[in-house]
C-alpha atoms as a PDB file:
ATOM      1  CA  MET A   1     -31.007   2.350 -40.096  1.00  0.00           C
ATOM      2  CA  LYS A   2     -27.466   2.838 -41.487  1.00  0.00           C
ATOM      3  CA  ALA A   3     -26.627   5.146 -38.585  1.00  0.00           C
ATOM      4  CA  PHE A   4     -27.834   2.545 -36.077  1.00  0.00           C
ATOM      5  CA  VAL A   5     -25.734  -0.199 -37.700  1.00  0.00           C
ATOM      6  CA  THR A   6     -22.670   2.079 -37.772  1.00  0.00           C
ATOM      7  CA  ILE A   7     -23.096   2.971 -34.089  1.00  0.00           C
ATOM      8  CA  ALA A   8     -23.636  -0.680 -33.171  1.00  0.00           C
ATOM      9  CA  LEU A   9     -20.457  -1.647 -35.022  1.00  0.00           C
ATOM     10  CA  LEU A  10     -18.477   1.132 -33.340  1.00  0.00           C
ATOM     11  CA  VAL A  11     -19.769   0.219 -29.874  1.00  0.00           C
ATOM     12  CA  GLY A  12     -19.245  -3.485 -30.534  1.00  0.00           C
ATOM     13  CA  GLY A  13     -15.721  -2.827 -31.775  1.00  0.00           C
ATOM     14  CA  THR A  14     -14.926  -0.800 -28.672  1.00  0.00           C
ATOM     15  CA  GLY A  15     -16.263  -3.571 -26.436  1.00  0.00           C
ATOM     16  CA  VAL A  16     -14.053  -6.131 -28.143  1.00  0.00           C
ATOM     17  CA  ALA A  17     -10.992  -3.917 -27.764  1.00  0.00           C
ATOM     18  CA  CYS A  18     -11.753  -3.398 -24.071  1.00  0.00           C
ATOM     19  CA  ALA A  19     -12.226  -7.111 -23.508  1.00  0.00           C
ATOM     20  CA  GLN A  20      -8.903  -7.846 -25.205  1.00  0.00           C
ATOM     21  CA  THR A  21      -7.125  -5.242 -23.084  1.00  0.00           C
ATOM     22  CA  GLN A  22      -8.609  -6.647 -19.881  1.00  0.00           C
ATOM     23  CA  SER A  23      -7.515 -10.221 -20.614  1.00  0.00           C
ATOM     24  CA  LEU A  24      -3.834  -9.470 -21.167  1.00  0.00           C
ATOM     25  CA  THR A  25      -1.192 -11.297 -19.156  1.00  0.00           C
ATOM     26  CA  LEU A  26       2.397 -10.455 -18.310  1.00  0.00           C
ATOM     27  CA  ARG A  27       3.516 -12.887 -21.013  1.00  0.00           C
ATOM     28  CA  ASP A  28       1.555 -10.855 -23.597  1.00  0.00           C
ATOM     29  CA  LEU A  29       3.936  -7.936 -22.994  1.00  0.00           C
ATOM     30  CA  ASP A  30       6.968  -9.904 -24.235  1.00  0.00           C
ATOM     31  CA  GLY A  31       8.491  -8.070 -27.181  1.00  0.00           C
ATOM     32  CA  LYS A  32       7.276  -4.667 -25.956  1.00  0.00           C
ATOM     33  CA  ASN A  33      10.514  -3.777 -24.130  1.00  0.00           C
ATOM     34  CA  MET A  34       8.763  -4.250 -20.790  1.00  0.00           C
ATOM     35  CA  ARG A  35      10.472  -3.160 -17.612  1.00  0.00           C
ATOM     36  CA  THR A  36       9.275  -2.753 -14.035  1.00  0.00           C
ATOM     37  CA  LEU A  37       9.661   0.798 -12.782  1.00  0.00           C
ATOM     38  CA  SER A  38      11.732   1.252  -9.638  1.00  0.00           C
ATOM     39  CA  LYS A  39      10.308   2.938  -6.541  1.00  0.00           C
ATOM     40  CA  ASP A  40      12.229   6.121  -7.461  1.00  0.00           C
ATOM     41  CA  GLU A  41      10.758   6.100 -10.987  1.00  0.00           C
ATOM     42  CA  VAL A  42       7.221   5.520  -9.674  1.00  0.00           C
ATOM     43  CA  THR A  43       7.750   8.322  -7.136  1.00  0.00           C
ATOM     44  CA  GLN A  44       8.699  10.678  -9.995  1.00  0.00           C
ATOM     45  CA  LEU A  45       5.927   9.562 -12.358  1.00  0.00           C
ATOM     46  CA  LEU A  46       2.752   9.291 -10.273  1.00  0.00           C
ATOM     47  CA  PRO A  47       2.379  12.405  -8.074  1.00  0.00           C
ATOM     48  CA  GLY A  48       0.189  14.856  -9.996  1.00  0.00           C
ATOM     49  CA  ALA A  49      -0.372  12.315 -12.795  1.00  0.00           C
ATOM     50  CA  LYS A  50      -3.721  11.989 -14.534  1.00  0.00           C
ATOM     51  CA  MET A  51      -4.680   8.301 -14.477  1.00  0.00           C
ATOM     52  CA  SER A  52      -7.073   6.565 -16.867  1.00  0.00           C
ATOM     53  CA  ARG A  53      -8.079   2.920 -17.295  1.00  0.00           C
ATOM     54  CA  VAL A  54     -10.880   0.663 -18.420  1.00  0.00           C
ATOM     55  CA  SER A  55     -11.950  -1.580 -15.530  1.00  0.00           C
ATOM     56  CA  ALA A  56     -12.525  -5.321 -15.804  1.00  0.00           C
ATOM     57  CA  ARG A  57     -16.268  -4.549 -16.167  1.00  0.00           C
ATOM     58  CA  GLY A  58     -15.595  -2.115 -19.026  1.00  0.00           C
ATOM     59  CA  ASN A  59     -16.083   1.126 -17.094  1.00  0.00           C
ATOM     60  CA  HIS A  60     -13.790   4.040 -17.970  1.00  0.00           C
ATOM     61  CA  HIS A  61     -12.204   5.438 -14.786  1.00  0.00           C
ATOM     62  CA  VAL A  62     -10.171   8.652 -14.486  1.00  0.00           C
ATOM     63  CA  TRP A  63      -8.521  10.473 -11.586  1.00  0.00           C
ATOM     64  CA  THR A  64      -5.555  12.695 -10.776  1.00  0.00           C
ATOM     65  CA  ASN A  65      -3.098  11.725  -8.028  1.00  0.00           C
ATOM     66  CA  GLU A  66      -3.022  14.785  -5.768  1.00  0.00           C
ATOM     67  CA  SER A  67       0.139  15.510  -3.750  1.00  0.00           C
ATOM     68  CA  ASP A  68      -1.729  14.926  -0.457  1.00  0.00           C
ATOM     69  CA  GLY A  69      -2.384  11.264  -1.369  1.00  0.00           C
ATOM     70  CA  LYS A  70      -6.045  11.787  -2.282  1.00  0.00           C
ATOM     71  CA  PHE A  71      -8.081  11.911  -5.495  1.00  0.00           C
ATOM     72  CA  VAL A  72     -11.629  11.910  -6.805  1.00  0.00           C
ATOM     73  CA  ALA A  73     -12.262   9.110  -9.286  1.00  0.00           C
ATOM     74  CA  SER A  74     -14.900   9.334 -12.003  1.00  0.00           C
ATOM     75  CA  SER A  75     -16.547   6.410 -13.775  1.00  0.00           C
ATOM     76  CA  ASP A  76     -18.790   6.414 -16.827  1.00  0.00           C
ATOM     77  CA  ASN A  77     -20.423   3.157 -15.558  1.00  0.00           C
ATOM     78  CA  MET A  78     -20.970   2.103 -19.161  1.00  0.00           C
ATOM     79  CA  GLY A  79     -19.482  -1.357 -18.734  1.00  0.00           C
ATOM     80  CA  GLY A  80     -21.357  -4.574 -18.114  1.00  0.00           C
ATOM     81  CA  GLY A  81     -22.449  -5.661 -14.701  1.00  0.00           C
ATOM     82  CA  GLY A  82     -26.196  -6.043 -15.011  1.00  0.00           C
ATOM     83  CA  THR A  83     -27.582  -5.051 -11.626  1.00  0.00           C
ATOM     84  CA  VAL A  84     -24.708  -2.815 -10.557  1.00  0.00           C
ATOM     85  CA  ILE A  85     -26.033   0.269  -8.776  1.00  0.00           C
ATOM     86  CA  GLY A  86     -25.691   3.287 -11.048  1.00  0.00           C
ATOM     87  CA  ALA A  87     -25.091   1.245 -14.216  1.00  0.00           C
ATOM     88  CA  GLY A  88     -25.106   3.609 -17.170  1.00  0.00           C
ATOM     89  CA  ARG A  89     -24.953   6.726 -14.982  1.00  0.00           C
ATOM     90  CA  PRO A  90     -21.647   8.515 -14.357  1.00  0.00           C
ATOM     91  CA  SER A  91     -20.436   8.520 -10.756  1.00  0.00           C
ATOM     92  CA  THR A  92     -17.575   9.765  -8.624  1.00  0.00           C
ATOM     93  CA  ALA A  93     -15.830   8.354  -5.566  1.00  0.00           C
ATOM     94  CA  LEU A  94     -13.233   9.486  -3.070  1.00  0.00           C
ATOM     95  CA  GLY A  95      -9.898   7.731  -3.238  1.00  0.00           C
ATOM     96  CA  LYS A  96      -6.462   7.554  -1.654  1.00  0.00           C
ATOM     97  CA  TRP A  97      -3.142   6.542  -3.165  1.00  0.00           C
ATOM     98  CA  HIS A  98       0.415   5.899  -1.999  1.00  0.00           C
ATOM     99  CA  ILE A  99       3.587   4.153  -3.106  1.00  0.00           C
ATOM    100  CA  SER A 100       4.539   1.108  -1.034  1.00  0.00           C
ATOM    101  CA  ASP A 101       8.032   0.385   0.291  1.00  0.00           C
ATOM    102  CA  ASP A 102       8.629  -2.044  -2.594  1.00  0.00           C
ATOM    103  CA  GLY A 103       7.579   0.547  -5.223  1.00  0.00           C
ATOM    104  CA  ARG A 104       4.005  -0.574  -5.924  1.00  0.00           C
ATOM    105  CA  TYR A 105       1.242   1.944  -6.642  1.00  0.00           C
ATOM    106  CA  CYS A 106      -1.502   1.413  -4.053  1.00  0.00           C
ATOM    107  CA  VAL A 107      -5.085   2.661  -4.404  1.00  0.00           C
ATOM    108  CA  LEU A 108      -8.241   2.664  -2.303  1.00  0.00           C
ATOM    109  CA  ILE A 109     -11.481   3.836  -3.975  1.00  0.00           C
ATOM    110  CA  GLU A 110     -14.755   4.046  -2.049  1.00  0.00           C
ATOM    111  CA  TRP A 111     -17.315   3.576  -4.836  1.00  0.00           C
ATOM    112  CA  LYS A 112     -20.938   4.112  -3.781  1.00  0.00           C
ATOM    113  CA  GLY A 113     -23.126   1.016  -3.760  1.00  0.00           C
ATOM    114  CA  VAL A 114     -20.326  -1.452  -4.545  1.00  0.00           C
ATOM    115  CA  PRO A 115     -17.463  -2.884  -2.465  1.00  0.00           C
ATOM    116  CA  THR A 116     -14.461  -0.669  -1.816  1.00  0.00           C
ATOM    117  CA  GLU A 117     -11.720  -1.165  -4.390  1.00  0.00           C
ATOM    118  CA  GLU A 118      -8.282  -1.631  -2.824  1.00  0.00           C
ATOM    119  CA  TRP A 119      -5.131  -2.866  -4.555  1.00  0.00           C
ATOM    120  CA  CYS A 120      -1.357  -2.436  -4.976  1.00  0.00           C
ATOM    121  CA  ARG A 121       0.330  -2.997  -8.362  1.00  0.00           C
ATOM    122  CA  PHE A 122       3.773  -2.847  -9.887  1.00  0.00           C
ATOM    123  CA  VAL A 123       4.033  -0.269 -12.680  1.00  0.00           C
ATOM    124  CA  LEU A 124       5.379  -1.585 -15.981  1.00  0.00           C
ATOM    125  CA  ALA A 125       6.659   0.618 -18.796  1.00  0.00           C
ATOM    126  CA  THR A 126       6.458  -0.787 -22.312  1.00  0.00           C
ATOM    127  CA  SER A 127       6.901   0.440 -25.865  1.00  0.00           C
ATOM    128  CA  ASP A 128       3.137   1.062 -26.052  1.00  0.00           C
ATOM    129  CA  GLY A 129       2.523   2.652 -22.643  1.00  0.00           C
ATOM    130  CA  TYR A 130       2.019   1.656 -19.026  1.00  0.00           C
ATOM    131  CA  TYR A 131       0.533  -1.453 -17.450  1.00  0.00           C
ATOM    132  CA  MET A 132       0.058  -2.545 -13.847  1.00  0.00           C
ATOM    133  CA  THR A 133       0.204  -6.017 -12.334  1.00  0.00           C
ATOM    134  CA  ARG A 134       0.229  -7.778  -8.957  1.00  0.00           C
ATOM    135  CA  SER A 135       3.268  -9.903  -9.770  1.00  0.00           C
ATOM    136  CA  THR A 136       6.179  -9.507 -12.149  1.00  0.00           C
ATOM    137  CA  SER A 137       7.351 -13.109 -11.853  1.00  0.00           C
ATOM    138  CA  VAL A 138       4.388 -15.141 -13.168  1.00  0.00           C
ATOM    139  CA  GLY A 139       3.849 -15.044 -16.938  1.00  0.00           C
ATOM    140  CA  THR A 140       0.128 -15.745 -16.610  1.00  0.00           C
ATOM    141  CA  GLU A 141      -0.470 -12.875 -14.163  1.00  0.00           C
ATOM    142  CA  ARG A 142      -3.119 -10.444 -15.465  1.00  0.00           C
ATOM    143  CA  VAL A 143      -1.973  -6.957 -16.463  1.00  0.00           C
ATOM    144  CA  GLU A 144      -4.112  -3.842 -16.773  1.00  0.00           C
ATOM    145  CA  LYS A 145      -3.397  -1.007 -19.221  1.00  0.00           C
ATOM    146  CA  PHE A 146      -3.239   2.515 -17.740  1.00  0.00           C
ATOM    147  CA  GLU A 147      -2.847   5.893 -19.389  1.00  0.00           C
ATOM    148  CA  ILE A 148      -0.599   8.023 -17.214  1.00  0.00           C
ATOM    149  CA  LYS A 149      -0.141  11.678 -18.137  1.00  0.00           C
ATOM    150  CA  LYS A 150       1.825  14.315 -16.262  1.00  0.00           C
END
């Protein structure tokens, strides 16, 4: 019984941390030496980079930006979502990435059984890592934490 309680507390704690990460706004990054990366900086950072994030649903996604603009994304599908196809079972999806003329990182992921994911985000560097956001001018704009490793 102790082991079950410990696991439940660990899982619950992780869920809370994920939820907090997902609800961050641009304003929450004040005091973290935030700066928007230029197109040149993004062009240096992202090719060949290993990307990792926790989606809004709580799924852990990873992929590596290949030099040809493609990648294969993996998801643990452990987040919420109720009737999502494949919930609780790992999956992979083909993806494409590029850097837009204004320096945003753009991604298209063709997940199986759910709508295609397509977005472009500005890359923000802070004292505690990288975040991405649609807008850098609205304090209430949602930001998403990314691990980016070369």
